[in-house]
């Protein structure tokens, strides 16, 4: 499965990304702070806003997991 995790550098997002990778999922980490975990692709965002272009980040995504505020 290919998962996009928002808030990936946060308290919940960081261990969630690790756990997903450990069980064999492909993880796209999306956050304002860079995620530096092996085999996790990082997509920087300034803010989660409705007019942002999410086309590239969402290509082929099976699940979106929203963490944080």
Protein backbone atom coordinates (compact mmCIF):
# COMPACT_ATOMS: atom_id res chain seq x y z
CA UNK A 1 0.00 0.00 0.00
CA UNK A 2 1.09 3.57 -0.69
CA UNK A 3 0.27 5.94 2.18
CA UNK A 4 0.50 9.73 2.47
CA UNK A 5 1.01 10.78 6.09
CA UNK A 6 0.43 14.45 6.95
CA UNK A 7 2.11 15.78 10.08
CA UNK A 8 4.76 13.12 9.49
CA UNK A 9 7.41 14.86 11.61
CA UNK A 10 5.16 15.16 14.66
CA UNK A 11 4.60 13.19 17.85
CA UNK A 12 2.21 10.73 16.19
CA UNK A 13 3.41 10.98 12.59
CA UNK A 14 7.05 10.01 13.22
CA UNK A 15 6.43 6.60 14.83
CA UNK A 16 3.49 5.98 12.47
CA UNK A 17 5.74 6.40 9.42
CA UNK A 18 8.28 3.99 10.94
CA UNK A 19 5.62 1.41 11.73
CA UNK A 20 4.13 1.59 8.25
CA UNK A 21 7.57 1.08 6.66
CA UNK A 22 8.34 -1.83 8.98
CA UNK A 23 5.22 -3.69 7.84
CA UNK A 24 6.05 -3.09 4.17
CA UNK A 25 4.05 -0.02 3.18
CA UNK A 26 5.39 2.71 0.89
CA UNK A 27 5.29 6.00 2.84
CA UNK A 28 5.08 9.56 1.54
CA UNK A 29 5.78 11.88 4.49
CA UNK A 30 4.20 15.31 4.28
CA UNK A 31 5.13 17.98 6.83
CA UNK A 32 6.60 21.44 7.35
CA UNK A 33 9.72 19.94 8.97
CA UNK A 34 11.80 17.53 6.92
CA UNK A 35 11.42 13.86 7.74
CA UNK A 36 14.77 12.06 7.71
CA UNK A 37 13.86 8.40 7.85
CA UNK A 38 15.25 5.72 5.55
CA UNK A 39 13.05 4.66 2.65
CA UNK A 40 10.46 7.37 3.33
CA UNK A 41 9.86 9.96 0.62
CA UNK A 42 9.44 13.48 2.00
CA UNK A 43 7.10 16.12 0.51
CA UNK A 44 7.53 19.58 2.09
CA UNK A 45 4.47 21.76 2.67
CA UNK A 46 4.19 25.27 4.03
CA UNK A 47 0.58 24.91 5.16
CA UNK A 48 -2.24 22.49 4.43
CA UNK A 49 -4.49 24.76 2.38
CA UNK A 50 -7.34 23.93 0.02
CA UNK A 51 -5.80 25.76 -2.96
CA UNK A 52 -2.42 23.96 -2.74
CA UNK A 53 -1.50 21.68 -5.67
CA UNK A 54 -1.42 18.14 -4.28
CA UNK A 55 -1.41 16.39 -7.68
CA UNK A 56 2.15 15.02 -7.57
CA UNK A 57 2.04 14.05 -3.88
CA UNK A 58 -1.29 12.20 -4.29
CA UNK A 59 -0.40 10.26 -7.44
CA UNK A 60 -1.01 6.57 -6.77
CA UNK A 61 -1.87 7.05 -3.07
CA UNK A 62 -4.08 4.35 -1.54
CA UNK A 63 -4.58 6.00 1.86
CA UNK A 64 -4.21 9.46 3.38
CA UNK A 65 -3.51 9.50 7.11
CA UNK A 66 -3.93 12.90 8.75
CA UNK A 67 -2.07 13.47 12.02
CA UNK A 68 -1.63 16.65 13.99
CA UNK A 69 -3.99 19.60 14.25
